[in-house]
Amino acid sequence: MLVNVYQRYFEANLEFKGSLRRGASVMLISESEAGNIKYTAAVTFMPYENAQDFRVPYDAYFSRILYESAGRRSKKREQVFIEKLPEIIDELAEAVGGTILWDKPLTEPRLG
C-alpha cells in the first residue's frame, strides 16, 4: 500500500528540460508490502504559472529512500522524517539546480 504521509506545494525555482518550474510538490511517501515498510522523500517541480495551475509533470521528479526495513508504519518515525524533510528536499533540489521557497507555501499540508 502506497500512502502520501505528507504532501505540500511550495513556490520553487528550477529550469529543467528548457522549461521554467515555479512550483514544487514536496512529499513523504510510505510504502508497505508483505510486512516491510519503506519511506521515501520526494519532490516534483511543476510549471505553476498561476494560482490555479497545479499541473504536475513527472519529468522533474527526484527522490531518496530514507528508511527500508521489516515492520509497519510508525507515527513517531514519520514525524521525525517530516521534520527533516526540508533539509532532505533541499539536497535533492540543489543537486539539479533548484530551490524550494519554504516560506511561500501554496497549500496547507496534507497528512495521510
N, C-alpha and C. Protein backbone atom coordinates (compact mmCIF):
# COMPACT_ATOMS: atom_id res chain seq x y z
N MET A 1 0.84 -1.17 0.00
CA MET A 1 0.00 0.00 0.00
C MET A 1 0.89 1.24 0.00
N LEU A 2 0.58 2.15 -0.90
CA LEU A 2 1.33 3.40 -1.04
C LEU A 2 0.52 4.53 -0.44
N VAL A 3 1.13 5.32 0.46
CA VAL A 3 0.44 6.41 1.14
C VAL A 3 1.31 7.65 1.12
N ASN A 4 0.72 8.79 0.73
CA ASN A 4 1.41 10.07 0.90
C ASN A 4 1.22 10.48 2.36
N VAL A 5 2.24 10.25 3.17
CA VAL A 5 2.19 10.59 4.58
C VAL A 5 2.10 12.11 4.74
N TYR A 6 2.82 12.82 3.88
CA TYR A 6 2.83 14.29 3.91
C TYR A 6 2.96 14.77 2.47
N GLN A 7 2.19 15.82 2.15
CA GLN A 7 2.35 16.48 0.85
C GLN A 7 1.97 17.94 1.01
N ARG A 8 2.78 18.80 0.41
CA ARG A 8 2.50 20.23 0.42
C ARG A 8 3.17 20.86 -0.80
N TYR A 9 2.49 21.84 -1.37
CA TYR A 9 3.02 22.57 -2.53
C TYR A 9 3.66 23.87 -2.07
N PHE A 10 4.79 24.20 -2.70
CA PHE A 10 5.53 25.43 -2.39
C PHE A 10 5.94 26.11 -3.69
N GLU A 11 6.17 27.42 -3.59
CA GLU A 11 6.81 28.09 -4.71
C GLU A 11 8.23 27.55 -4.80
N ALA A 12 8.76 27.51 -6.01
CA ALA A 12 10.09 26.94 -6.23
C ALA A 12 10.67 27.54 -7.50
N ASN A 13 11.93 27.26 -7.74
CA ASN A 13 12.60 27.69 -8.96
C ASN A 13 13.48 26.56 -9.47
N LEU A 14 13.28 26.24 -10.75
CA LEU A 14 14.12 25.26 -11.42
C LEU A 14 13.90 25.40 -12.92
N GLU A 15 14.99 25.45 -13.66
CA GLU A 15 14.87 25.33 -15.11
C GLU A 15 15.25 23.90 -15.45
N PHE A 16 14.32 23.19 -16.08
CA PHE A 16 14.51 21.77 -16.34
C PHE A 16 13.99 21.45 -17.73
N LYS A 17 14.84 20.86 -18.54
CA LYS A 17 14.49 20.49 -19.92
C LYS A 17 13.89 21.67 -20.69
N GLY A 18 14.50 22.83 -20.50
CA GLY A 18 14.07 24.01 -21.23
C GLY A 18 12.80 24.67 -20.72
N SER A 19 12.31 24.23 -19.59
CA SER A 19 11.06 24.76 -19.04
C SER A 19 11.30 25.28 -17.63
N LEU A 20 10.77 26.49 -17.35
CA LEU A 20 10.89 27.06 -16.01
C LEU A 20 9.82 26.45 -15.11
N ARG A 21 10.25 25.93 -13.98
CA ARG A 21 9.33 25.35 -12.99
C ARG A 21 9.29 26.31 -11.81
N ARG A 22 8.08 26.76 -11.45
CA ARG A 22 7.91 27.76 -10.40
C ARG A 22 7.23 27.21 -9.16
N GLY A 23 6.91 25.93 -9.16
CA GLY A 23 6.27 25.31 -8.02
C GLY A 23 6.83 23.92 -7.79
N ALA A 24 6.56 23.40 -6.60
CA ALA A 24 7.04 22.05 -6.28
C ALA A 24 6.07 21.36 -5.34
N SER A 25 5.89 20.09 -5.55
CA SER A 25 5.13 19.23 -4.65
C SER A 25 6.16 18.46 -3.82
N VAL A 26 6.11 18.65 -2.52
CA VAL A 26 7.04 18.01 -1.60
C VAL A 26 6.28 16.90 -0.87
N MET A 27 6.87 15.70 -0.85
CA MET A 27 6.15 14.54 -0.31
C MET A 27 7.04 13.66 0.58
N LEU A 28 6.38 13.05 1.55
CA LEU A 28 6.94 11.91 2.27
C LEU A 28 6.00 10.76 1.96
N ILE A 29 6.54 9.71 1.36
CA ILE A 29 5.74 8.58 0.88
C ILE A 29 6.08 7.34 1.69
N SER A 30 5.05 6.63 2.10
CA SER A 30 5.20 5.36 2.80
C SER A 30 4.72 4.26 1.88
N GLU A 31 5.49 3.19 1.81
CA GLU A 31 5.09 2.04 1.00
C GLU A 31 5.26 0.79 1.86
N SER A 32 4.15 0.08 2.05
CA SER A 32 4.21 -1.15 2.84
C SER A 32 3.70 -2.32 2.03
N GLU A 33 4.41 -3.43 2.18
CA GLU A 33 4.02 -4.64 1.47
C GLU A 33 4.67 -5.84 2.15
N ALA A 34 3.87 -6.84 2.39
CA ALA A 34 4.34 -8.12 2.93
C ALA A 34 5.20 -7.95 4.19
N GLY A 35 4.74 -7.08 5.10
CA GLY A 35 5.45 -6.90 6.36
C GLY A 35 6.69 -6.04 6.28
N ASN A 36 6.90 -5.36 5.17
CA ASN A 36 8.05 -4.46 5.01
C ASN A 36 7.54 -3.03 4.83
N ILE A 37 8.33 -2.06 5.29
CA ILE A 37 7.97 -0.65 5.18
C ILE A 37 9.13 0.11 4.54
N LYS A 38 8.76 1.07 3.69
CA LYS A 38 9.78 1.92 3.07
C LYS A 38 9.25 3.35 3.10
N TYR A 39 10.12 4.30 3.47
CA TYR A 39 9.79 5.71 3.43
C TYR A 39 10.68 6.40 2.41
N THR A 40 10.07 7.24 1.59
CA THR A 40 10.78 7.96 0.55
C THR A 40 10.43 9.43 0.62
N ALA A 41 11.45 10.29 0.55
CA ALA A 41 11.25 11.73 0.40
C ALA A 41 11.29 12.03 -1.08
N ALA A 42 10.36 12.87 -1.56
CA ALA A 42 10.30 13.15 -2.99
C ALA A 42 9.87 14.59 -3.24
N VAL A 43 10.32 15.10 -4.39
CA VAL A 43 9.89 16.42 -4.85
C VAL A 43 9.65 16.36 -6.35
N THR A 44 8.57 16.98 -6.77
CA THR A 44 8.27 17.13 -8.19
C THR A 44 8.14 18.61 -8.49
N PHE A 45 8.95 19.10 -9.42
CA PHE A 45 8.87 20.50 -9.82
C PHE A 45 7.84 20.64 -10.94
N MET A 46 7.05 21.71 -10.87
CA MET A 46 5.94 21.91 -11.81
C MET A 46 5.93 23.34 -12.34
N PRO A 47 5.26 23.57 -13.48
CA PRO A 47 5.26 24.91 -14.08
C PRO A 47 4.68 25.99 -13.18
N TYR A 48 3.54 25.77 -12.58
CA TYR A 48 2.84 26.72 -11.72
C TYR A 48 2.87 28.14 -12.28
N GLU A 49 2.06 28.35 -13.30
CA GLU A 49 2.01 29.65 -13.98
C GLU A 49 1.01 30.61 -13.36
N ASN A 50 0.05 30.10 -12.58
CA ASN A 50 -0.89 30.95 -11.86
C ASN A 50 -1.46 30.17 -10.68
N ALA A 51 -2.28 30.82 -9.88
CA ALA A 51 -2.78 30.23 -8.63
C ALA A 51 -3.66 28.99 -8.84
N GLN A 52 -4.15 28.77 -10.06
CA GLN A 52 -4.96 27.58 -10.33
C GLN A 52 -4.17 26.48 -11.05
N ASP A 53 -2.91 26.71 -11.30
CA ASP A 53 -2.10 25.80 -12.10
C ASP A 53 -1.34 24.81 -11.22
N PHE A 54 -1.92 23.64 -11.04
CA PHE A 54 -1.26 22.60 -10.27
C PHE A 54 -0.97 21.38 -11.14
N ARG A 55 -0.65 21.63 -12.43
CA ARG A 55 -0.22 20.54 -13.31
C ARG A 55 1.08 19.97 -12.75
N VAL A 56 1.14 18.67 -12.64
CA VAL A 56 2.34 18.05 -12.07
C VAL A 56 2.93 17.09 -13.10
N PRO A 57 3.89 17.57 -13.90
CA PRO A 57 4.59 16.65 -14.81
C PRO A 57 5.59 15.82 -14.00
N TYR A 58 5.82 14.63 -14.42
CA TYR A 58 6.70 13.77 -13.64
C TYR A 58 8.09 13.62 -14.25
N ASP A 59 8.46 14.56 -15.15
CA ASP A 59 9.81 14.51 -15.69
C ASP A 59 10.82 15.18 -14.76
N ALA A 60 10.34 15.98 -13.81
CA ALA A 60 11.23 16.64 -12.85
C ALA A 60 10.93 16.11 -11.45
N TYR A 61 10.98 14.80 -11.31
CA TYR A 61 10.70 14.09 -10.06
C TYR A 61 12.02 13.55 -9.51
N PHE A 62 12.27 13.86 -8.24
CA PHE A 62 13.52 13.43 -7.61
C PHE A 62 13.19 12.86 -6.23
N SER A 63 13.85 11.77 -5.86
CA SER A 63 13.50 11.12 -4.60
C SER A 63 14.72 10.47 -3.95
N ARG A 64 14.54 10.18 -2.67
CA ARG A 64 15.57 9.48 -1.90
C ARG A 64 14.88 8.57 -0.89
N ILE A 65 15.29 7.31 -0.84
CA ILE A 65 14.77 6.37 0.15
C ILE A 65 15.40 6.74 1.50
N LEU A 66 14.54 6.93 2.50
CA LEU A 66 15.01 7.31 3.84
C LEU A 66 15.13 6.12 4.78
N TYR A 67 14.27 5.15 4.57
CA TYR A 67 14.21 4.02 5.50
C TYR A 67 13.57 2.83 4.80
N GLU A 68 14.12 1.66 5.01
CA GLU A 68 13.54 0.45 4.45
C GLU A 68 13.88 -0.70 5.37
N SER A 69 12.83 -1.40 5.86
CA SER A 69 13.06 -2.47 6.81
C SER A 69 11.78 -3.29 6.98
N ALA A 70 11.92 -4.39 7.68
CA ALA A 70 10.73 -5.14 8.07
C ALA A 70 10.00 -4.32 9.12
N GLY A 71 8.69 -4.36 9.09
CA GLY A 71 7.91 -3.63 10.10
C GLY A 71 6.70 -2.96 9.50
N ARG A 72 6.18 -1.99 10.24
CA ARG A 72 4.98 -1.28 9.82
C ARG A 72 5.16 0.21 10.05
N ARG A 73 4.16 0.99 9.61
CA ARG A 73 4.22 2.44 9.77
C ARG A 73 4.35 2.82 11.23
N SER A 74 5.11 3.88 11.48
CA SER A 74 5.31 4.40 12.82
C SER A 74 5.09 5.90 12.80
N LYS A 75 4.11 6.38 13.56
CA LYS A 75 3.82 7.82 13.63
C LYS A 75 5.02 8.59 14.17
N LYS A 76 5.75 8.03 15.12
CA LYS A 76 6.93 8.70 15.67
C LYS A 76 8.01 8.85 14.59
N ARG A 77 8.26 7.79 13.85
CA ARG A 77 9.25 7.81 12.78
C ARG A 77 8.82 8.81 11.70
N GLU A 78 7.56 8.79 11.34
CA GLU A 78 7.05 9.70 10.33
C GLU A 78 7.22 11.16 10.74
N GLN A 79 6.98 11.47 12.01
CA GLN A 79 7.16 12.84 12.49
C GLN A 79 8.61 13.28 12.37
N VAL A 80 9.54 12.41 12.68
CA VAL A 80 10.97 12.73 12.53
C VAL A 80 11.30 13.00 11.07
N PHE A 81 10.80 12.17 10.17
CA PHE A 81 11.05 12.37 8.73
C PHE A 81 10.44 13.67 8.24
N ILE A 82 9.24 14.00 8.69
CA ILE A 82 8.59 15.25 8.28
C ILE A 82 9.41 16.45 8.74
N GLU A 83 9.94 16.39 9.95
CA GLU A 83 10.77 17.48 10.47
C GLU A 83 12.06 17.64 9.67
N LYS A 84 12.62 16.54 9.18
CA LYS A 84 13.86 16.58 8.40
C LYS A 84 13.63 16.80 6.91
N LEU A 85 12.38 16.79 6.48
CA LEU A 85 12.05 16.87 5.06
C LEU A 85 12.64 18.10 4.35
N PRO A 86 12.55 19.30 4.93
CA PRO A 86 13.14 20.45 4.22
C PRO A 86 14.63 20.28 3.90
N GLU A 87 15.38 19.76 4.84
CA GLU A 87 16.81 19.54 4.62
C GLU A 87 17.05 18.51 3.51
N ILE A 88 16.31 17.43 3.53
CA ILE A 88 16.48 16.37 2.53
C ILE A 88 16.06 16.86 1.15
N ILE A 89 14.92 17.54 1.09
CA ILE A 89 14.42 18.04 -0.19
C ILE A 89 15.36 19.12 -0.74
N ASP A 90 15.91 19.97 0.13
CA ASP A 90 16.88 20.96 -0.33
C ASP A 90 18.08 20.29 -1.00
N GLU A 91 18.56 19.19 -0.44
CA GLU A 91 19.68 18.46 -1.05
C GLU A 91 19.31 17.92 -2.42
N LEU A 92 18.10 17.35 -2.55
CA LEU A 92 17.65 16.85 -3.84
C LEU A 92 17.52 17.99 -4.86
N ALA A 93 16.94 19.11 -4.42
CA ALA A 93 16.74 20.26 -5.31
C ALA A 93 18.07 20.86 -5.75
N GLU A 94 18.98 21.05 -4.81
CA GLU A 94 20.29 21.65 -5.13
C GLU A 94 21.07 20.80 -6.12
N ALA A 95 20.90 19.49 -6.06
CA ALA A 95 21.62 18.59 -6.97
C ALA A 95 21.25 18.83 -8.43
N VAL A 96 20.05 19.41 -8.68
CA VAL A 96 19.62 19.67 -10.05
C VAL A 96 19.50 21.18 -10.33
N GLY A 97 19.99 22.00 -9.39
CA GLY A 97 19.98 23.45 -9.59
C GLY A 97 18.69 24.12 -9.20
N GLY A 98 17.88 23.48 -8.39
CA GLY A 98 16.60 24.05 -7.98
C GLY A 98 16.59 24.53 -6.55
N THR A 99 15.57 25.32 -6.23
CA THR A 99 15.36 25.78 -4.85
C THR A 99 13.87 25.71 -4.52
N ILE A 100 13.59 25.42 -3.27
CA ILE A 100 12.23 25.44 -2.75
C ILE A 100 12.12 26.68 -1.87
N LEU A 101 11.05 27.44 -2.04
CA LEU A 101 10.82 28.63 -1.21
C LEU A 101 9.91 28.22 -0.05
N TRP A 102 10.53 27.72 1.00
CA TRP A 102 9.81 27.15 2.14
C TRP A 102 8.90 28.17 2.81
N ASP A 103 9.24 29.43 2.72
CA ASP A 103 8.42 30.47 3.35
C ASP A 103 7.26 30.91 2.46
N LYS A 104 7.08 30.24 1.32
CA LYS A 104 5.99 30.58 0.39
C LYS A 104 5.19 29.33 0.01
N PRO A 105 4.49 28.76 0.99
CA PRO A 105 3.66 27.58 0.67
C PRO A 105 2.49 27.98 -0.21
N LEU A 106 2.09 27.08 -1.10
CA LEU A 106 0.95 27.32 -1.99
C LEU A 106 -0.33 26.65 -1.47
N THR A 107 -0.16 25.67 -0.58
CA THR A 107 -1.29 24.95 0.01
C THR A 107 -1.00 24.66 1.47
N GLU A 108 -2.02 24.20 2.15
CA GLU A 108 -1.84 23.67 3.50
C GLU A 108 -1.28 22.25 3.37
N PRO A 109 -0.59 21.75 4.39
CA PRO A 109 -0.10 20.37 4.30
C PRO A 109 -1.24 19.37 4.32
N ARG A 110 -1.04 18.28 3.58
CA ARG A 110 -1.97 17.15 3.61
C ARG A 110 -1.26 15.99 4.28
N LEU A 111 -1.88 15.45 5.30
CA LEU A 111 -1.31 14.32 6.03
C LEU A 111 -2.16 13.09 5.79
N GLY A 112 -1.48 11.97 5.54
CA GLY A 112 -2.23 10.75 5.25
C GLY A 112 -1.85 9.61 6.14
